[in-house]
Amino acid sequence: MKRGDLPFIALFRLIACAALLFCSASVAHAEVQKFLNPCGGQKLCASYALVLTPPDGWVLDAKATSDNKVQIMVPKGQNFASAEPLIYVQVFYQPDKTQTLADFARLSNARWLAANPKAKIGELPPVERSNGKPPFLRFAFENPGKAQQAFEVGALGVDSDKDGNSFVLDVVMTGNSKAALDHADAAYAAFLKAH
């Protein structure tokens, strides 16, 4: 070995270590993040958000997300007020680790029907996820009593944070026409598969 090779070997080791750290950090990276927000007096309340990447042609509407406390994605060039349809993501902490996703879905759908008696809910095929997590369970909603949410496709999936806490993801594509949902279905399905 020549003396001039030492900087090259040191650089190679540094790059190899950095790559190893990057790969291990990527594997351990949590999909759900926790935030503490003031919620009355000096009390702090937890809220949760999915680490997400919008589908191609879509963006996260930061103002609508902040205003509604729900992650809202819209087609590029549109905003919460003009988008048709839009996709929103809610993250629910799941303290009962024995509750299955199917049970969560059944209870959630029953609550929706109780609050919206004219609504209809149909089951759709699940969507497999590329990250190896269990598939999203999907449902089609028709809500004649809700003009802004007349048609929706909802998907429920499970995820966790860096501490191993369990969460349910509720990913909903919503609009006032079925045609708008059909037009955006490929982007919605791609989002589900990626998350």
N, C-alpha and C. Protein backbone atom coordinates (compact mmCIF):
# COMPACT_ATOMS: atom_id res chain seq x y z
N MET A 1 0.84 -1.16 0.00
CA MET A 1 0.00 0.00 0.00
C MET A 1 0.89 1.24 0.00
N LYS A 2 0.52 2.18 -0.84
CA LYS A 2 1.29 3.42 -0.93
C LYS A 2 0.68 4.45 0.01
N ARG A 3 1.53 5.36 0.39
CA ARG A 3 1.10 6.41 1.30
C ARG A 3 -0.04 7.23 0.69
N GLY A 4 -0.06 7.46 -0.58
CA GLY A 4 -1.11 8.23 -1.25
C GLY A 4 -2.45 7.52 -1.24
N ASP A 5 -2.46 6.20 -0.97
CA ASP A 5 -3.71 5.45 -0.92
C ASP A 5 -4.48 5.69 0.38
N LEU A 6 -3.81 6.16 1.43
CA LEU A 6 -4.46 6.32 2.74
C LEU A 6 -5.66 7.27 2.69
N PRO A 7 -5.56 8.45 2.09
CA PRO A 7 -6.75 9.31 2.03
C PRO A 7 -7.90 8.64 1.26
N PHE A 8 -7.58 7.92 0.21
CA PHE A 8 -8.62 7.23 -0.55
C PHE A 8 -9.30 6.18 0.30
N ILE A 9 -8.53 5.38 1.04
CA ILE A 9 -9.09 4.33 1.90
C ILE A 9 -9.92 4.96 3.01
N ALA A 10 -9.42 6.04 3.61
CA ALA A 10 -10.18 6.73 4.66
C ALA A 10 -11.49 7.27 4.10
N LEU A 11 -11.43 7.84 2.90
CA LEU A 11 -12.64 8.36 2.27
C LEU A 11 -13.62 7.22 1.98
N PHE A 12 -13.10 6.10 1.48
CA PHE A 12 -13.95 4.94 1.19
C PHE A 12 -14.64 4.45 2.46
N ARG A 13 -13.88 4.37 3.57
CA ARG A 13 -14.46 3.92 4.84
C ARG A 13 -15.53 4.90 5.31
N LEU A 14 -15.25 6.19 5.18
CA LEU A 14 -16.22 7.20 5.58
C LEU A 14 -17.52 7.07 4.77
N ILE A 15 -17.39 6.90 3.46
CA ILE A 15 -18.57 6.74 2.61
C ILE A 15 -19.32 5.46 2.97
N ALA A 16 -18.59 4.37 3.21
CA ALA A 16 -19.24 3.10 3.58
C ALA A 16 -19.98 3.24 4.90
N CYS A 17 -19.38 3.91 5.88
CA CYS A 17 -20.05 4.10 7.18
C CYS A 17 -21.28 4.99 7.02
N ALA A 18 -21.15 6.05 6.23
CA ALA A 18 -22.29 6.95 6.00
C ALA A 18 -23.43 6.19 5.32
N ALA A 19 -23.11 5.35 4.34
CA ALA A 19 -24.13 4.57 3.64
C ALA A 19 -24.82 3.61 4.61
N LEU A 20 -24.02 2.98 5.47
CA LEU A 20 -24.59 2.05 6.45
C LEU A 20 -25.51 2.78 7.41
N LEU A 21 -25.09 3.94 7.89
CA LEU A 21 -25.94 4.74 8.79
C LEU A 21 -27.22 5.16 8.08
N PHE A 22 -27.10 5.61 6.82
CA PHE A 22 -28.28 6.02 6.07
C PHE A 22 -29.25 4.87 5.91
N CYS A 23 -28.76 3.70 5.55
CA CYS A 23 -29.62 2.53 5.36
C CYS A 23 -30.28 2.12 6.65
N SER A 24 -29.54 2.11 7.75
CA SER A 24 -30.14 1.71 9.02
C SER A 24 -31.13 2.75 9.49
N ALA A 25 -30.87 4.04 9.23
CA ALA A 25 -31.81 5.08 9.61
C ALA A 25 -33.08 4.96 8.78
N SER A 26 -32.95 4.60 7.51
CA SER A 26 -34.13 4.45 6.66
C SER A 26 -35.01 3.30 7.13
N VAL A 27 -34.40 2.22 7.55
CA VAL A 27 -35.17 1.07 8.00
C VAL A 27 -35.90 1.38 9.30
N ALA A 28 -35.24 2.11 10.21
CA ALA A 28 -35.82 2.39 11.51
C ALA A 28 -36.76 3.60 11.48
N HIS A 29 -36.83 4.30 10.37
CA HIS A 29 -37.61 5.53 10.27
C HIS A 29 -39.09 5.25 10.51
N ALA A 30 -39.66 5.97 11.47
CA ALA A 30 -41.08 5.80 11.79
C ALA A 30 -41.93 6.51 10.75
N GLU A 31 -43.09 5.98 10.50
CA GLU A 31 -44.00 6.56 9.52
C GLU A 31 -44.95 7.58 10.15
N VAL A 32 -45.15 7.49 11.47
CA VAL A 32 -46.04 8.41 12.16
C VAL A 32 -45.22 9.29 13.09
N GLN A 33 -45.50 10.59 13.08
CA GLN A 33 -44.83 11.52 13.97
C GLN A 33 -45.83 12.09 14.96
N LYS A 34 -45.35 12.34 16.17
CA LYS A 34 -46.18 12.89 17.24
C LYS A 34 -45.82 14.36 17.46
N PHE A 35 -46.85 15.18 17.67
CA PHE A 35 -46.67 16.59 17.95
C PHE A 35 -47.45 16.93 19.21
N LEU A 36 -46.92 17.84 20.02
CA LEU A 36 -47.62 18.33 21.20
C LEU A 36 -48.03 19.76 20.93
N ASN A 37 -49.33 20.04 21.11
CA ASN A 37 -49.87 21.35 20.81
C ASN A 37 -50.61 21.89 22.03
N PRO A 38 -50.55 23.21 22.26
CA PRO A 38 -51.33 23.79 23.37
C PRO A 38 -52.82 23.54 23.14
N CYS A 39 -53.52 23.15 24.20
CA CYS A 39 -54.95 22.87 24.04
C CYS A 39 -55.75 23.32 25.26
N GLY A 40 -55.46 24.48 25.74
CA GLY A 40 -56.20 25.02 26.88
C GLY A 40 -55.32 25.18 28.09
N GLY A 41 -55.18 26.41 28.54
CA GLY A 41 -54.33 26.65 29.69
C GLY A 41 -52.89 26.27 29.38
N GLN A 42 -52.29 25.55 30.31
CA GLN A 42 -50.91 25.12 30.10
C GLN A 42 -50.83 23.66 29.71
N LYS A 43 -51.95 23.12 29.27
CA LYS A 43 -52.03 21.72 28.88
C LYS A 43 -51.54 21.53 27.44
N LEU A 44 -50.88 20.39 27.20
CA LEU A 44 -50.46 20.02 25.86
C LEU A 44 -51.18 18.75 25.43
N CYS A 45 -51.68 18.75 24.20
CA CYS A 45 -52.38 17.59 23.66
C CYS A 45 -51.59 17.04 22.47
N ALA A 46 -51.60 15.74 22.35
CA ALA A 46 -50.88 15.08 21.26
C ALA A 46 -51.70 15.10 19.98
N SER A 47 -51.01 15.27 18.87
CA SER A 47 -51.61 15.07 17.55
C SER A 47 -50.59 14.27 16.75
N TYR A 48 -51.05 13.62 15.70
CA TYR A 48 -50.20 12.71 14.95
C TYR A 48 -50.32 13.01 13.46
N ALA A 49 -49.22 12.79 12.75
CA ALA A 49 -49.20 13.01 11.30
C ALA A 49 -48.39 11.91 10.65
N LEU A 50 -48.81 11.52 9.48
CA LEU A 50 -48.10 10.53 8.68
C LEU A 50 -46.97 11.21 7.93
N VAL A 51 -45.80 10.59 7.93
CA VAL A 51 -44.72 11.07 7.07
C VAL A 51 -45.13 10.61 5.66
N LEU A 52 -45.48 11.57 4.81
CA LEU A 52 -46.06 11.18 3.52
C LEU A 52 -45.41 11.89 2.36
N THR A 53 -45.59 11.28 1.21
CA THR A 53 -45.20 11.86 -0.06
C THR A 53 -46.45 11.89 -0.92
N PRO A 54 -46.91 13.08 -1.32
CA PRO A 54 -48.10 13.14 -2.17
C PRO A 54 -47.89 12.37 -3.47
N PRO A 55 -48.98 11.84 -4.05
CA PRO A 55 -48.85 11.16 -5.34
C PRO A 55 -48.42 12.13 -6.43
N ASP A 56 -47.89 11.61 -7.54
CA ASP A 56 -47.49 12.46 -8.65
C ASP A 56 -48.65 13.36 -9.06
N GLY A 57 -48.34 14.63 -9.25
CA GLY A 57 -49.36 15.58 -9.67
C GLY A 57 -50.16 16.18 -8.52
N TRP A 58 -49.80 15.83 -7.29
CA TRP A 58 -50.52 16.32 -6.10
C TRP A 58 -49.53 17.01 -5.17
N VAL A 59 -50.05 17.89 -4.30
CA VAL A 59 -49.24 18.59 -3.30
C VAL A 59 -50.00 18.62 -1.98
N LEU A 60 -49.25 18.79 -0.91
CA LEU A 60 -49.85 18.98 0.40
C LEU A 60 -50.27 20.44 0.51
N ASP A 61 -51.52 20.70 0.83
CA ASP A 61 -52.02 22.06 1.02
C ASP A 61 -51.73 22.44 2.47
N ALA A 62 -50.62 23.17 2.68
CA ALA A 62 -50.15 23.47 4.03
C ALA A 62 -51.16 24.28 4.83
N LYS A 63 -51.79 25.26 4.20
CA LYS A 63 -52.75 26.10 4.92
C LYS A 63 -53.96 25.28 5.34
N ALA A 64 -54.52 24.51 4.44
CA ALA A 64 -55.69 23.69 4.78
C ALA A 64 -55.33 22.64 5.82
N THR A 65 -54.13 22.10 5.73
CA THR A 65 -53.67 21.11 6.71
C THR A 65 -53.61 21.75 8.09
N SER A 66 -53.03 22.94 8.18
CA SER A 66 -52.92 23.64 9.46
C SER A 66 -54.29 24.05 10.00
N ASP A 67 -55.14 24.58 9.13
CA ASP A 67 -56.47 25.05 9.55
C ASP A 67 -57.36 23.91 10.02
N ASN A 68 -57.28 22.75 9.36
CA ASN A 68 -58.19 21.64 9.64
C ASN A 68 -57.60 20.57 10.55
N LYS A 69 -56.31 20.68 10.85
CA LYS A 69 -55.61 19.69 11.70
C LYS A 69 -55.69 18.29 11.12
N VAL A 70 -55.71 18.21 9.79
CA VAL A 70 -55.74 16.97 9.02
C VAL A 70 -54.85 17.21 7.80
N GLN A 71 -54.05 16.24 7.41
CA GLN A 71 -53.19 16.40 6.24
C GLN A 71 -54.06 16.35 4.99
N ILE A 72 -54.01 17.42 4.19
CA ILE A 72 -54.86 17.53 3.01
C ILE A 72 -54.00 17.70 1.76
N MET A 73 -54.22 16.82 0.79
CA MET A 73 -53.51 16.88 -0.50
C MET A 73 -54.49 17.25 -1.60
N VAL A 74 -54.00 18.07 -2.52
CA VAL A 74 -54.83 18.54 -3.64
C VAL A 74 -54.03 18.41 -4.93
N PRO A 75 -54.71 18.34 -6.07
CA PRO A 75 -53.98 18.35 -7.35
C PRO A 75 -53.18 19.64 -7.49
N LYS A 76 -51.99 19.55 -8.09
CA LYS A 76 -51.14 20.74 -8.29
C LYS A 76 -51.95 21.83 -8.98
N GLY A 77 -51.74 23.07 -8.52
CA GLY A 77 -52.44 24.21 -9.10
C GLY A 77 -53.79 24.48 -8.46
N GLN A 78 -54.21 23.61 -7.54
CA GLN A 78 -55.49 23.81 -6.85
C GLN A 78 -55.24 23.99 -5.36
N ASN A 79 -56.29 24.34 -4.65
CA ASN A 79 -56.20 24.45 -3.20
C ASN A 79 -57.43 23.80 -2.58
N PHE A 80 -57.51 23.84 -1.29
CA PHE A 80 -58.60 23.19 -0.56
C PHE A 80 -59.98 23.63 -1.08
N ALA A 81 -60.13 24.91 -1.36
CA ALA A 81 -61.43 25.44 -1.80
C ALA A 81 -61.78 25.03 -3.22
N SER A 82 -60.76 24.84 -4.08
CA SER A 82 -61.06 24.57 -5.50
C SER A 82 -60.85 23.11 -5.91
N ALA A 83 -60.21 22.31 -5.08
CA ALA A 83 -59.86 20.94 -5.48
C ALA A 83 -61.08 20.04 -5.59
N GLU A 84 -61.07 19.24 -6.63
CA GLU A 84 -62.14 18.26 -6.83
C GLU A 84 -61.54 17.04 -7.51
N PRO A 85 -61.26 15.98 -6.84
CA PRO A 85 -61.46 15.76 -5.41
C PRO A 85 -60.23 16.19 -4.62
N LEU A 86 -60.20 15.84 -3.34
CA LEU A 86 -59.02 16.01 -2.51
C LEU A 86 -58.82 14.73 -1.71
N ILE A 87 -57.62 14.58 -1.19
CA ILE A 87 -57.29 13.41 -0.37
C ILE A 87 -56.87 13.93 1.00
N TYR A 88 -57.43 13.36 2.05
CA TYR A 88 -56.96 13.75 3.38
C TYR A 88 -56.57 12.53 4.19
N VAL A 89 -55.66 12.76 5.14
CA VAL A 89 -55.12 11.69 5.97
C VAL A 89 -55.31 12.06 7.43
N GLN A 90 -55.97 11.19 8.17
CA GLN A 90 -56.09 11.32 9.62
C GLN A 90 -55.34 10.16 10.26
N VAL A 91 -54.69 10.43 11.38
CA VAL A 91 -53.95 9.40 12.11
C VAL A 91 -54.56 9.28 13.50
N PHE A 92 -54.97 8.07 13.85
CA PHE A 92 -55.59 7.81 15.15
C PHE A 92 -54.70 6.91 15.99
N TYR A 93 -54.42 7.35 17.20
CA TYR A 93 -53.67 6.50 18.14
C TYR A 93 -54.54 5.30 18.48
N GLN A 94 -53.95 4.14 18.52
CA GLN A 94 -54.70 2.91 18.81
C GLN A 94 -54.13 2.27 20.08
N PRO A 95 -54.69 2.65 21.24
CA PRO A 95 -54.15 2.12 22.49
C PRO A 95 -54.45 0.62 22.68
N ASP A 96 -55.54 0.15 22.08
CA ASP A 96 -55.92 -1.26 22.22
C ASP A 96 -55.28 -2.07 21.10
N LYS A 97 -54.14 -2.66 21.40
CA LYS A 97 -53.40 -3.42 20.39
C LYS A 97 -54.09 -4.72 20.01
N THR A 98 -55.12 -5.12 20.77
CA THR A 98 -55.84 -6.35 20.43
C THR A 98 -56.95 -6.09 19.42
N GLN A 99 -57.33 -4.83 19.22
CA GLN A 99 -58.38 -4.51 18.25
C GLN A 99 -57.84 -4.67 16.84
N THR A 100 -58.50 -5.49 16.04
CA THR A 100 -58.07 -5.68 14.66
C THR A 100 -58.48 -4.49 13.81
N LEU A 101 -57.83 -4.35 12.67
CA LEU A 101 -58.18 -3.28 11.74
C LEU A 101 -59.61 -3.47 11.24
N ALA A 102 -60.01 -4.71 11.01
CA ALA A 102 -61.38 -4.99 10.56
C ALA A 102 -62.40 -4.55 11.61
N ASP A 103 -62.11 -4.77 12.89
CA ASP A 103 -63.00 -4.32 13.96
C ASP A 103 -63.06 -2.79 14.01
N PHE A 104 -61.90 -2.15 13.88
CA PHE A 104 -61.85 -0.69 13.85
C PHE A 104 -62.73 -0.17 12.71
N ALA A 105 -62.59 -0.79 11.53
CA ALA A 105 -63.36 -0.37 10.36
C ALA A 105 -64.86 -0.56 10.59
N ARG A 106 -65.22 -1.70 11.14
CA ARG A 106 -66.64 -1.98 11.40
C ARG A 106 -67.24 -0.93 12.33
N LEU A 107 -66.54 -0.60 13.42
CA LEU A 107 -67.03 0.40 14.37
C LEU A 107 -67.07 1.79 13.76
N SER A 108 -66.03 2.13 13.01
CA SER A 108 -65.97 3.44 12.36
C SER A 108 -67.12 3.61 11.36
N ASN A 109 -67.35 2.58 10.55
CA ASN A 109 -68.43 2.64 9.56
C ASN A 109 -69.79 2.69 10.24
N ALA A 110 -69.96 1.98 11.35
CA ALA A 110 -71.22 2.00 12.09
C ALA A 110 -71.48 3.41 12.66
N ARG A 111 -70.44 4.07 13.17
CA ARG A 111 -70.59 5.45 13.67
C ARG A 111 -70.99 6.38 12.54
N TRP A 112 -70.37 6.20 11.35
CA TRP A 112 -70.70 7.07 10.22
C TRP A 112 -72.16 6.89 9.82
N LEU A 113 -72.62 5.65 9.75
CA LEU A 113 -74.01 5.40 9.37
C LEU A 113 -74.98 5.92 10.41
N ALA A 114 -74.62 5.85 11.68
CA ALA A 114 -75.49 6.38 12.75
C ALA A 114 -75.62 7.89 12.62
N ALA A 115 -74.53 8.56 12.25
CA ALA A 115 -74.55 10.01 12.11
C ALA A 115 -75.11 10.46 10.76
N ASN A 116 -75.11 9.56 9.76
CA ASN A 116 -75.56 9.89 8.40
C ASN A 116 -76.46 8.76 7.90
N PRO A 117 -77.70 8.71 8.37
CA PRO A 117 -78.57 7.57 8.08
C PRO A 117 -78.85 7.33 6.59
N LYS A 118 -78.69 8.34 5.74
CA LYS A 118 -78.93 8.17 4.30
C LYS A 118 -77.70 7.63 3.56
N ALA A 119 -76.58 7.55 4.26
CA ALA A 119 -75.33 7.12 3.63
C ALA A 119 -75.36 5.63 3.31
N LYS A 120 -74.57 5.26 2.31
CA LYS A 120 -74.38 3.85 1.94
C LYS A 120 -72.89 3.58 1.94
N ILE A 121 -72.50 2.43 2.46
CA ILE A 121 -71.09 2.04 2.49
C ILE A 121 -70.95 0.68 1.84
N GLY A 122 -70.02 0.58 0.89
CA GLY A 122 -69.73 -0.69 0.24
C GLY A 122 -68.26 -1.03 0.39
N GLU A 123 -67.97 -2.31 0.54
CA GLU A 123 -66.58 -2.74 0.69
C GLU A 123 -65.92 -2.86 -0.68
N LEU A 124 -64.66 -2.41 -0.77
CA LEU A 124 -63.86 -2.49 -1.99
C LEU A 124 -62.68 -3.42 -1.75
N PRO A 125 -62.03 -3.90 -2.80
CA PRO A 125 -60.85 -4.76 -2.60
C PRO A 125 -59.77 -4.03 -1.82
N PRO A 126 -59.04 -4.75 -0.96
CA PRO A 126 -57.94 -4.11 -0.22
C PRO A 126 -56.80 -3.72 -1.17
N VAL A 127 -55.93 -2.83 -0.68
CA VAL A 127 -54.77 -2.40 -1.47
C VAL A 127 -53.51 -2.86 -0.74
N GLU A 128 -52.71 -3.68 -1.43
CA GLU A 128 -51.43 -4.14 -0.88
C GLU A 128 -50.47 -2.97 -0.82
N ARG A 129 -49.60 -2.98 0.19
CA ARG A 129 -48.65 -1.89 0.41
C ARG A 129 -47.23 -2.36 0.09
N SER A 130 -46.46 -1.50 -0.54
CA SER A 130 -45.10 -1.86 -0.93
C SER A 130 -44.14 -1.90 0.25
N ASN A 131 -44.54 -1.37 1.42
CA ASN A 131 -43.67 -1.34 2.59
C ASN A 131 -43.80 -2.60 3.46
N GLY A 132 -44.58 -3.58 3.00
CA GLY A 132 -44.71 -4.84 3.73
C GLY A 132 -45.71 -4.80 4.87
N LYS A 133 -46.33 -3.67 5.12
CA LYS A 133 -47.34 -3.58 6.17
C LYS A 133 -48.64 -4.17 5.65
N PRO A 134 -49.55 -4.54 6.58
CA PRO A 134 -50.82 -5.13 6.13
C PRO A 134 -51.55 -4.22 5.14
N PRO A 135 -52.34 -4.80 4.25
CA PRO A 135 -53.02 -4.00 3.23
C PRO A 135 -54.02 -3.01 3.83
N PHE A 136 -54.29 -1.95 3.06
CA PHE A 136 -55.34 -1.01 3.42
C PHE A 136 -56.69 -1.67 3.14
N LEU A 137 -57.62 -1.54 4.07
CA LEU A 137 -59.01 -1.95 3.84
C LEU A 137 -59.71 -0.74 3.23
N ARG A 138 -60.48 -0.97 2.17
CA ARG A 138 -61.11 0.16 1.46
C ARG A 138 -62.63 0.05 1.43
N PHE A 139 -63.27 1.22 1.43
CA PHE A 139 -64.72 1.30 1.42
C PHE A 139 -65.16 2.46 0.54
N ALA A 140 -66.28 2.27 -0.15
CA ALA A 140 -66.89 3.34 -0.96
C ALA A 140 -68.07 3.90 -0.17
N PHE A 141 -68.14 5.22 -0.09
CA PHE A 141 -69.20 5.90 0.64
C PHE A 141 -70.02 6.76 -0.31
N GLU A 142 -71.33 6.67 -0.19
CA GLU A 142 -72.23 7.60 -0.87
C GLU A 142 -72.97 8.33 0.24
N ASN A 143 -72.83 9.66 0.25
CA ASN A 143 -73.37 10.48 1.33
C ASN A 143 -74.30 11.55 0.77
N PRO A 144 -75.55 11.18 0.41
CA PRO A 144 -76.43 12.15 -0.24
C PRO A 144 -76.74 13.38 0.63
N GLY A 145 -76.58 13.29 1.93
CA GLY A 145 -76.85 14.42 2.80
C GLY A 145 -75.68 15.36 2.98
N LYS A 146 -74.55 15.09 2.31
CA LYS A 146 -73.36 15.92 2.48
C LYS A 146 -72.84 16.33 1.11
N ALA A 147 -73.16 17.54 0.68
CA ALA A 147 -72.81 18.00 -0.66
C ALA A 147 -71.31 17.98 -0.93
N GLN A 148 -70.49 18.39 0.04
CA GLN A 148 -69.04 18.44 -0.16
C GLN A 148 -68.39 17.06 -0.07
N GLN A 149 -69.10 16.09 0.51
CA GLN A 149 -68.57 14.74 0.67
C GLN A 149 -69.54 13.72 0.07
N ALA A 150 -70.14 14.08 -1.03
CA ALA A 150 -71.18 13.22 -1.61
C ALA A 150 -70.66 11.83 -1.95
N PHE A 151 -69.41 11.78 -2.41
CA PHE A 151 -68.78 10.50 -2.75
C PHE A 151 -67.40 10.45 -2.11
N GLU A 152 -67.08 9.32 -1.51
CA GLU A 152 -65.77 9.15 -0.89
C GLU A 152 -65.30 7.71 -1.04
N VAL A 153 -63.99 7.57 -1.09
CA VAL A 153 -63.38 6.26 -0.94
C VAL A 153 -62.47 6.39 0.27
N GLY A 154 -62.70 5.55 1.26
CA GLY A 154 -61.89 5.59 2.46
C GLY A 154 -61.05 4.33 2.58
N ALA A 155 -59.83 4.49 3.08
CA ALA A 155 -58.93 3.35 3.27
C ALA A 155 -58.37 3.41 4.69
N LEU A 156 -58.41 2.29 5.36
CA LEU A 156 -57.88 2.19 6.72
C LEU A 156 -56.68 1.26 6.71
N GLY A 157 -55.59 1.71 7.33
CA GLY A 157 -54.38 0.91 7.44
C GLY A 157 -53.74 1.10 8.79
N VAL A 158 -52.78 0.26 9.11
CA VAL A 158 -52.08 0.37 10.38
C VAL A 158 -50.66 0.88 10.16
N ASP A 159 -50.13 1.55 11.17
CA ASP A 159 -48.76 2.02 11.13
C ASP A 159 -48.27 2.17 12.55
N SER A 160 -47.04 2.66 12.71
CA SER A 160 -46.47 2.83 14.04
C SER A 160 -45.53 4.02 14.05
N ASP A 161 -45.09 4.40 15.26
CA ASP A 161 -44.10 5.45 15.38
C ASP A 161 -42.78 4.83 15.82
N LYS A 162 -41.79 5.66 16.05
CA LYS A 162 -40.45 5.17 16.40
C LYS A 162 -40.43 4.44 17.74
N ASP A 163 -41.44 4.68 18.58
CA ASP A 163 -41.49 4.03 19.90
C ASP A 163 -42.31 2.74 19.88
N GLY A 164 -42.83 2.37 18.70
CA GLY A 164 -43.61 1.14 18.59
C GLY A 164 -45.08 1.29 18.92
N ASN A 165 -45.56 2.53 19.10
CA ASN A 165 -46.99 2.75 19.34
C ASN A 165 -47.77 2.46 18.06
N SER A 166 -48.98 1.96 18.22
CA SER A 166 -49.82 1.59 17.07
C SER A 166 -50.78 2.72 16.70
N PHE A 167 -51.01 2.85 15.40
CA PHE A 167 -51.90 3.88 14.87
C PHE A 167 -52.74 3.31 13.74
N VAL A 168 -53.90 3.92 13.53
CA VAL A 168 -54.72 3.61 12.36
C VAL A 168 -54.67 4.84 11.46
N LEU A 169 -54.39 4.59 10.18
CA LEU A 169 -54.40 5.64 9.17
C LEU A 169 -55.75 5.62 8.47
N ASP A 170 -56.36 6.77 8.34
CA ASP A 170 -57.62 6.91 7.60
C ASP A 170 -57.30 7.81 6.42
N VAL A 171 -57.23 7.24 5.22
CA VAL A 171 -56.87 7.97 4.01
C VAL A 171 -58.12 8.04 3.14
N VAL A 172 -58.64 9.25 2.96
CA VAL A 172 -59.93 9.43 2.29
C VAL A 172 -59.78 10.31 1.06
N MET A 173 -60.34 9.84 -0.06
CA MET A 173 -60.47 10.65 -1.27
C MET A 173 -61.93 11.08 -1.31
N THR A 174 -62.16 12.39 -1.34
CA THR A 174 -63.53 12.89 -1.22
C THR A 174 -63.83 13.94 -2.29
N GLY A 175 -65.08 13.97 -2.72
CA GLY A 175 -65.51 14.94 -3.71
C GLY A 175 -67.02 14.96 -3.84
N ASN A 176 -67.51 15.86 -4.67
CA ASN A 176 -68.96 15.94 -4.83
C ASN A 176 -69.46 15.21 -6.07
N SER A 177 -68.54 14.49 -6.79
CA SER A 177 -68.99 13.68 -7.91
C SER A 177 -68.19 12.39 -7.99
N LYS A 178 -68.83 11.34 -8.39
CA LYS A 178 -68.16 10.06 -8.56
C LYS A 178 -67.14 10.13 -9.70
N ALA A 179 -67.45 10.89 -10.73
CA ALA A 179 -66.53 11.04 -11.87
C ALA A 179 -65.20 11.63 -11.42
N ALA A 180 -65.22 12.59 -10.51
CA ALA A 180 -63.98 13.19 -10.02
C ALA A 180 -63.14 12.16 -9.28
N LEU A 181 -63.79 11.31 -8.49
CA LEU A 181 -63.07 10.26 -7.77
C LEU A 181 -62.49 9.25 -8.75
N ASP A 182 -63.27 8.86 -9.75
CA ASP A 182 -62.79 7.91 -10.75
C ASP A 182 -61.56 8.47 -11.47
N HIS A 183 -61.59 9.77 -11.76
CA HIS A 183 -60.47 10.42 -12.47
C HIS A 183 -59.18 10.40 -11.64
N ALA A 184 -59.31 10.51 -10.31
CA ALA A 184 -58.14 10.59 -9.43
C ALA A 184 -57.79 9.24 -8.79
N ASP A 185 -58.49 8.18 -9.16
CA ASP A 185 -58.31 6.89 -8.48
C ASP A 185 -56.89 6.33 -8.62
N ALA A 186 -56.25 6.51 -9.76
CA ALA A 186 -54.90 5.98 -9.95
C ALA A 186 -53.91 6.64 -9.00
N ALA A 187 -54.03 7.96 -8.81
CA ALA A 187 -53.15 8.69 -7.89
C ALA A 187 -53.41 8.24 -6.45
N TYR A 188 -54.67 8.07 -6.12
CA TYR A 188 -55.05 7.63 -4.77
C TYR A 188 -54.51 6.23 -4.49
N ALA A 189 -54.69 5.31 -5.42
CA ALA A 189 -54.20 3.93 -5.26
C ALA A 189 -52.67 3.91 -5.14
N ALA A 190 -51.99 4.74 -5.92
CA ALA A 190 -50.52 4.81 -5.86
C ALA A 190 -50.08 5.31 -4.47
N PHE A 191 -50.80 6.28 -3.93
CA PHE A 191 -50.49 6.79 -2.60
C PHE A 191 -50.63 5.69 -1.56
N LEU A 192 -51.74 4.95 -1.63
CA LEU A 192 -51.96 3.86 -0.68
C LEU A 192 -50.86 2.81 -0.77
N LYS A 193 -50.52 2.41 -1.97
CA LYS A 193 -49.47 1.39 -2.16
C LYS A 193 -48.14 1.84 -1.58
N ALA A 194 -47.83 3.12 -1.71
CA ALA A 194 -46.54 3.65 -1.25
C ALA A 194 -46.48 3.86 0.26
N HIS A 195 -47.62 3.91 0.92
CA HIS A 195 -47.64 4.19 2.34
C HIS A 195 -48.18 3.03 3.13
